[in-house]
C-alpha cells in the first residue's frame, strides 16, 4: 500500500522560534523533536526512491534542521541563551529549505512513496 506525503506532514516540524527570541532549553526540545520527526520521514522517503528533485529538497531541509539543532544546542549549553545572529542565520536557512519543500509539495498536492 502506497503512502503519501502532504503539506500537513510538514506541520510537526514547526520550530516555534522567531528572530530575537531567547534560545532556551524549551526551544532546543522543540527543535530536536522537529528534527527527529523529519529525519525519520526523510530516511523513509529517500529509501523509497523518490525523484531527484524531491530527494535534493529533503537532503537540504534535513541538513538545515540538523544545523539549527546543533547551533541551538551550543547556545543552550553555554547558558547564555541569546545568540541572535548565529541562531537566526541557521533559522533563515531552515525557512528557505522549508519553503522550497512546501512549494514542491503544494505544486503536486501529495507525493506517493
N, C-alpha and C. Protein backbone atom coordinates (compact mmCIF):
# COMPACT_ATOMS: atom_id res chain seq x y z
N UNK A 1 0.85 -1.19 0.00
CA UNK A 1 0.00 0.00 0.00
C UNK A 1 0.88 1.24 0.00
N UNK A 2 0.64 2.13 -0.94
CA UNK A 2 1.44 3.34 -1.06
C UNK A 2 1.09 4.32 0.06
N UNK A 3 2.11 5.02 0.51
CA UNK A 3 1.92 6.10 1.48
C UNK A 3 2.06 7.39 0.69
N UNK A 4 1.66 8.50 1.31
CA UNK A 4 1.91 9.76 0.64
C UNK A 4 2.33 10.82 1.64
N UNK A 5 2.99 11.82 1.12
CA UNK A 5 3.48 12.95 1.89
C UNK A 5 2.72 14.18 1.42
N UNK A 6 2.11 14.89 2.36
CA UNK A 6 1.38 16.11 2.03
C UNK A 6 1.96 17.27 2.84
N UNK A 7 1.48 18.45 2.55
CA UNK A 7 1.93 19.63 3.27
C UNK A 7 1.62 19.52 4.76
N UNK A 8 0.53 18.83 5.12
CA UNK A 8 0.20 18.66 6.54
C UNK A 8 1.27 17.87 7.29
N UNK A 9 1.97 17.00 6.56
CA UNK A 9 3.05 16.22 7.19
C UNK A 9 4.21 17.10 7.63
N UNK A 10 4.31 18.29 7.08
CA UNK A 10 5.40 19.19 7.45
C UNK A 10 5.09 19.99 8.71
N UNK A 11 3.84 20.09 9.10
CA UNK A 11 3.45 20.91 10.24
C UNK A 11 4.12 20.52 11.55
N UNK A 12 4.35 19.24 11.85
CA UNK A 12 5.04 18.91 13.11
C UNK A 12 6.49 19.40 13.16
N UNK A 13 6.99 19.91 12.03
CA UNK A 13 8.36 20.41 12.01
C UNK A 13 8.48 21.86 12.42
N UNK A 14 7.39 22.50 12.79
CA UNK A 14 7.46 23.90 13.19
C UNK A 14 8.37 24.04 14.40
N UNK A 15 9.30 24.95 14.31
CA UNK A 15 10.28 25.12 15.38
C UNK A 15 9.79 25.97 16.54
N UNK A 16 8.82 26.83 16.31
CA UNK A 16 8.36 27.69 17.39
C UNK A 16 9.41 28.70 17.81
N UNK A 17 10.18 29.15 16.85
CA UNK A 17 11.26 30.12 17.12
C UNK A 17 11.08 31.31 16.19
N UNK A 18 11.35 32.51 16.71
CA UNK A 18 11.29 33.72 15.90
C UNK A 18 12.52 34.56 16.17
N UNK A 19 12.83 35.44 15.25
CA UNK A 19 14.00 36.30 15.37
C UNK A 19 14.00 37.04 16.72
N UNK A 20 15.15 37.02 17.37
CA UNK A 20 15.31 37.74 18.62
C UNK A 20 14.83 37.01 19.86
N UNK A 21 14.19 35.88 19.67
CA UNK A 21 13.69 35.10 20.79
C UNK A 21 14.85 34.50 21.58
N UNK A 22 14.72 34.44 22.89
CA UNK A 22 15.73 33.76 23.70
C UNK A 22 15.79 32.29 23.31
N UNK A 23 16.98 31.75 23.29
CA UNK A 23 17.20 30.36 22.93
C UNK A 23 17.28 29.56 24.23
N UNK A 24 16.18 28.96 24.59
CA UNK A 24 16.05 28.26 25.87
C UNK A 24 16.07 26.75 25.68
N UNK A 25 16.17 26.01 26.77
CA UNK A 25 16.07 24.55 26.65
C UNK A 25 14.76 24.11 25.99
N UNK A 26 13.68 24.85 26.17
CA UNK A 26 12.41 24.50 25.53
C UNK A 26 12.51 24.64 24.00
N UNK A 27 13.17 25.67 23.53
CA UNK A 27 13.39 25.83 22.09
C UNK A 27 14.20 24.64 21.58
N UNK A 28 15.20 24.24 22.33
CA UNK A 28 16.01 23.09 21.95
C UNK A 28 15.16 21.82 21.87
N UNK A 29 14.30 21.60 22.85
CA UNK A 29 13.44 20.40 22.84
C UNK A 29 12.54 20.38 21.61
N UNK A 30 11.93 21.52 21.29
CA UNK A 30 11.06 21.59 20.11
C UNK A 30 11.85 21.33 18.83
N UNK A 31 13.04 21.91 18.76
CA UNK A 31 13.88 21.73 17.57
C UNK A 31 14.31 20.27 17.43
N UNK A 32 14.67 19.64 18.53
CA UNK A 32 15.07 18.23 18.47
C UNK A 32 13.90 17.34 18.04
N UNK A 33 12.70 17.62 18.54
CA UNK A 33 11.52 16.85 18.14
C UNK A 33 11.24 17.03 16.65
N UNK A 34 11.31 18.26 16.17
CA UNK A 34 11.07 18.53 14.75
C UNK A 34 12.10 17.81 13.89
N UNK A 35 13.36 17.86 14.32
CA UNK A 35 14.41 17.18 13.56
C UNK A 35 14.19 15.68 13.54
N UNK A 36 13.90 15.07 14.67
CA UNK A 36 13.67 13.61 14.72
C UNK A 36 12.52 13.22 13.82
N UNK A 37 11.42 13.98 13.91
CA UNK A 37 10.26 13.71 13.07
C UNK A 37 10.65 13.75 11.60
N UNK A 38 11.30 14.84 11.20
CA UNK A 38 11.62 14.99 9.79
C UNK A 38 12.68 13.99 9.35
N UNK A 39 13.69 13.79 10.16
CA UNK A 39 14.78 12.89 9.77
C UNK A 39 14.24 11.48 9.51
N UNK A 40 13.36 11.00 10.35
CA UNK A 40 12.77 9.68 10.14
C UNK A 40 11.95 9.64 8.85
N UNK A 41 11.17 10.69 8.61
CA UNK A 41 10.38 10.79 7.37
C UNK A 41 11.31 10.87 6.16
N UNK A 42 12.36 11.64 6.28
CA UNK A 42 13.34 11.80 5.21
C UNK A 42 13.98 10.47 4.84
N UNK A 43 14.41 9.71 5.83
CA UNK A 43 15.04 8.41 5.57
C UNK A 43 14.06 7.46 4.87
N UNK A 44 12.81 7.47 5.30
CA UNK A 44 11.80 6.63 4.69
C UNK A 44 11.56 7.02 3.23
N UNK A 45 11.47 8.31 2.98
CA UNK A 45 11.22 8.78 1.62
C UNK A 45 12.39 8.48 0.68
N UNK A 46 13.60 8.78 1.13
CA UNK A 46 14.76 8.54 0.28
C UNK A 46 14.90 7.05 -0.02
N UNK A 47 14.64 6.20 0.97
CA UNK A 47 14.72 4.75 0.76
C UNK A 47 13.68 4.26 -0.23
N UNK A 48 12.57 4.99 -0.36
CA UNK A 48 11.51 4.58 -1.28
C UNK A 48 11.82 4.92 -2.73
N UNK A 49 12.87 5.71 -2.95
CA UNK A 49 13.28 6.04 -4.31
C UNK A 49 12.54 7.20 -4.94
N UNK A 50 12.36 8.28 -4.20
CA UNK A 50 11.70 9.47 -4.75
C UNK A 50 12.56 10.10 -5.85
N UNK A 51 11.94 10.98 -6.63
CA UNK A 51 12.68 11.60 -7.73
C UNK A 51 13.81 12.50 -7.20
N UNK A 52 14.75 12.79 -8.09
CA UNK A 52 15.96 13.52 -7.70
C UNK A 52 15.65 14.90 -7.12
N UNK A 53 14.71 15.61 -7.70
CA UNK A 53 14.39 16.96 -7.20
C UNK A 53 13.90 16.90 -5.75
N UNK A 54 12.97 15.99 -5.47
CA UNK A 54 12.47 15.85 -4.11
C UNK A 54 13.57 15.36 -3.18
N UNK A 55 14.35 14.40 -3.62
CA UNK A 55 15.45 13.90 -2.79
C UNK A 55 16.39 15.03 -2.38
N UNK A 56 16.75 15.89 -3.33
CA UNK A 56 17.63 17.01 -3.01
C UNK A 56 16.99 17.97 -2.03
N UNK A 57 15.70 18.26 -2.21
CA UNK A 57 15.00 19.14 -1.27
C UNK A 57 14.97 18.54 0.13
N UNK A 58 14.76 17.24 0.21
CA UNK A 58 14.75 16.55 1.51
C UNK A 58 16.12 16.60 2.16
N UNK A 59 17.16 16.37 1.40
CA UNK A 59 18.52 16.42 1.93
C UNK A 59 18.84 17.81 2.47
N UNK A 60 18.52 18.84 1.69
CA UNK A 60 18.82 20.21 2.11
C UNK A 60 18.04 20.58 3.37
N UNK A 61 16.78 20.17 3.43
CA UNK A 61 15.98 20.52 4.60
C UNK A 61 16.45 19.75 5.83
N UNK A 62 16.78 18.50 5.66
CA UNK A 62 17.30 17.70 6.77
C UNK A 62 18.59 18.34 7.32
N UNK A 63 19.46 18.76 6.43
CA UNK A 63 20.71 19.40 6.86
C UNK A 63 20.44 20.72 7.57
N UNK A 64 19.47 21.49 7.09
CA UNK A 64 19.18 22.78 7.74
C UNK A 64 18.61 22.57 9.14
N UNK A 65 17.78 21.56 9.30
CA UNK A 65 17.25 21.25 10.63
C UNK A 65 18.37 20.79 11.56
N UNK A 66 19.25 19.96 11.05
CA UNK A 66 20.37 19.48 11.85
C UNK A 66 21.27 20.65 12.28
N UNK A 67 21.53 21.58 11.37
CA UNK A 67 22.33 22.76 11.70
C UNK A 67 21.65 23.61 12.77
N UNK A 68 20.34 23.80 12.63
CA UNK A 68 19.61 24.60 13.62
C UNK A 68 19.71 23.96 14.99
N UNK A 69 19.46 22.66 15.08
CA UNK A 69 19.53 21.95 16.36
C UNK A 69 20.93 22.07 16.95
N UNK A 70 21.94 21.90 16.13
CA UNK A 70 23.32 21.99 16.62
C UNK A 70 23.64 23.36 17.17
N UNK A 71 23.22 24.40 16.45
CA UNK A 71 23.50 25.76 16.92
C UNK A 71 22.75 26.07 18.21
N UNK A 72 21.49 25.67 18.27
CA UNK A 72 20.69 25.91 19.48
C UNK A 72 21.29 25.13 20.65
N UNK A 73 21.73 23.91 20.39
CA UNK A 73 22.35 23.10 21.45
C UNK A 73 23.59 23.81 22.01
N UNK A 74 24.40 24.40 21.14
CA UNK A 74 25.59 25.14 21.58
C UNK A 74 25.22 26.33 22.46
N UNK A 75 24.19 27.06 22.05
CA UNK A 75 23.79 28.25 22.81
C UNK A 75 23.24 27.83 24.18
N UNK A 76 22.40 26.81 24.21
CA UNK A 76 21.82 26.36 25.48
C UNK A 76 22.93 25.84 26.39
N UNK A 77 23.86 25.10 25.83
CA UNK A 77 24.97 24.55 26.62
C UNK A 77 25.82 25.67 27.24
N UNK A 78 25.96 26.77 26.51
CA UNK A 78 26.76 27.89 27.02
C UNK A 78 26.08 28.59 28.19
N UNK A 79 24.74 28.43 28.29
CA UNK A 79 23.99 29.07 29.36
C UNK A 79 23.67 30.53 29.07
N UNK A 80 24.08 31.02 27.91
CA UNK A 80 23.87 32.42 27.58
C UNK A 80 22.45 32.67 27.05
N UNK A 81 21.89 31.73 26.30
CA UNK A 81 20.52 31.75 25.78
C UNK A 81 20.20 32.84 24.78
N UNK A 82 21.16 33.64 24.41
CA UNK A 82 20.86 34.66 23.42
C UNK A 82 22.00 34.74 22.43
N UNK A 83 21.70 34.46 21.20
CA UNK A 83 22.68 34.49 20.12
C UNK A 83 21.90 34.80 18.85
N UNK A 84 21.46 36.03 18.73
CA UNK A 84 20.54 36.35 17.66
C UNK A 84 21.11 36.11 16.27
N UNK A 85 22.37 36.43 16.05
CA UNK A 85 22.92 36.27 14.70
C UNK A 85 23.20 34.81 14.36
N UNK A 86 23.81 34.08 15.26
CA UNK A 86 24.15 32.69 14.98
C UNK A 86 22.93 31.82 14.79
N UNK A 87 22.00 31.89 15.70
CA UNK A 87 20.79 31.07 15.60
C UNK A 87 19.91 31.59 14.47
N UNK A 88 19.81 32.88 14.34
CA UNK A 88 18.93 33.42 13.30
C UNK A 88 19.43 33.07 11.90
N UNK A 89 20.74 33.05 11.69
CA UNK A 89 21.25 32.71 10.36
C UNK A 89 20.91 31.28 9.97
N UNK A 90 21.00 30.33 10.90
CA UNK A 90 20.63 28.95 10.57
C UNK A 90 19.10 28.82 10.50
N UNK A 91 18.39 29.66 11.23
CA UNK A 91 16.93 29.67 11.14
C UNK A 91 16.48 30.15 9.75
N UNK A 92 17.16 31.14 9.20
CA UNK A 92 16.84 31.61 7.85
C UNK A 92 17.05 30.51 6.82
N UNK A 93 18.12 29.75 6.98
CA UNK A 93 18.38 28.63 6.08
C UNK A 93 17.26 27.58 6.20
N UNK A 94 16.85 27.29 7.43
CA UNK A 94 15.74 26.37 7.66
C UNK A 94 14.49 26.88 6.94
N UNK A 95 14.18 28.16 7.10
CA UNK A 95 12.99 28.73 6.46
C UNK A 95 13.05 28.60 4.94
N UNK A 96 14.23 28.84 4.38
CA UNK A 96 14.38 28.74 2.93
C UNK A 96 14.14 27.31 2.44
N UNK A 97 14.74 26.34 3.11
CA UNK A 97 14.59 24.95 2.67
C UNK A 97 13.16 24.46 2.93
N UNK A 98 12.55 24.92 4.01
CA UNK A 98 11.16 24.57 4.29
C UNK A 98 10.26 25.11 3.19
N UNK A 99 10.46 26.37 2.80
CA UNK A 99 9.63 26.99 1.77
C UNK A 99 9.77 26.26 0.44
N UNK A 100 10.99 25.85 0.09
CA UNK A 100 11.19 25.12 -1.16
C UNK A 100 10.49 23.77 -1.13
N UNK A 101 10.58 23.07 -0.02
CA UNK A 101 9.92 21.79 0.12
C UNK A 101 8.39 21.96 0.12
N UNK A 102 7.92 22.96 0.83
CA UNK A 102 6.48 23.26 0.87
C UNK A 102 5.95 23.58 -0.53
N UNK A 103 6.68 24.42 -1.27
CA UNK A 103 6.25 24.79 -2.62
C UNK A 103 6.22 23.57 -3.54
N UNK A 104 7.20 22.70 -3.40
CA UNK A 104 7.24 21.48 -4.19
C UNK A 104 6.00 20.62 -3.90
N UNK A 105 5.68 20.44 -2.63
CA UNK A 105 4.52 19.64 -2.25
C UNK A 105 3.22 20.31 -2.69
N UNK A 106 3.13 21.63 -2.53
CA UNK A 106 1.93 22.34 -2.94
C UNK A 106 1.69 22.22 -4.46
N UNK A 107 2.76 22.19 -5.23
CA UNK A 107 2.61 22.09 -6.68
C UNK A 107 2.14 20.71 -7.12
N UNK A 108 2.27 19.71 -6.23
CA UNK A 108 1.91 18.34 -6.58
C UNK A 108 0.74 17.80 -5.77
N UNK A 109 0.33 18.48 -4.72
CA UNK A 109 -0.76 18.01 -3.87
C UNK A 109 -0.27 17.02 -2.82
N UNK A 110 0.36 15.95 -3.27
CA UNK A 110 0.96 14.98 -2.37
C UNK A 110 1.98 14.17 -3.16
N UNK A 111 2.83 13.48 -2.44
CA UNK A 111 3.85 12.65 -3.06
C UNK A 111 3.61 11.22 -2.59
N UNK A 112 3.41 10.33 -3.53
CA UNK A 112 3.25 8.92 -3.18
C UNK A 112 4.62 8.27 -3.07
N UNK A 113 4.77 7.43 -2.06
CA UNK A 113 6.03 6.69 -1.91
C UNK A 113 5.76 5.33 -1.35
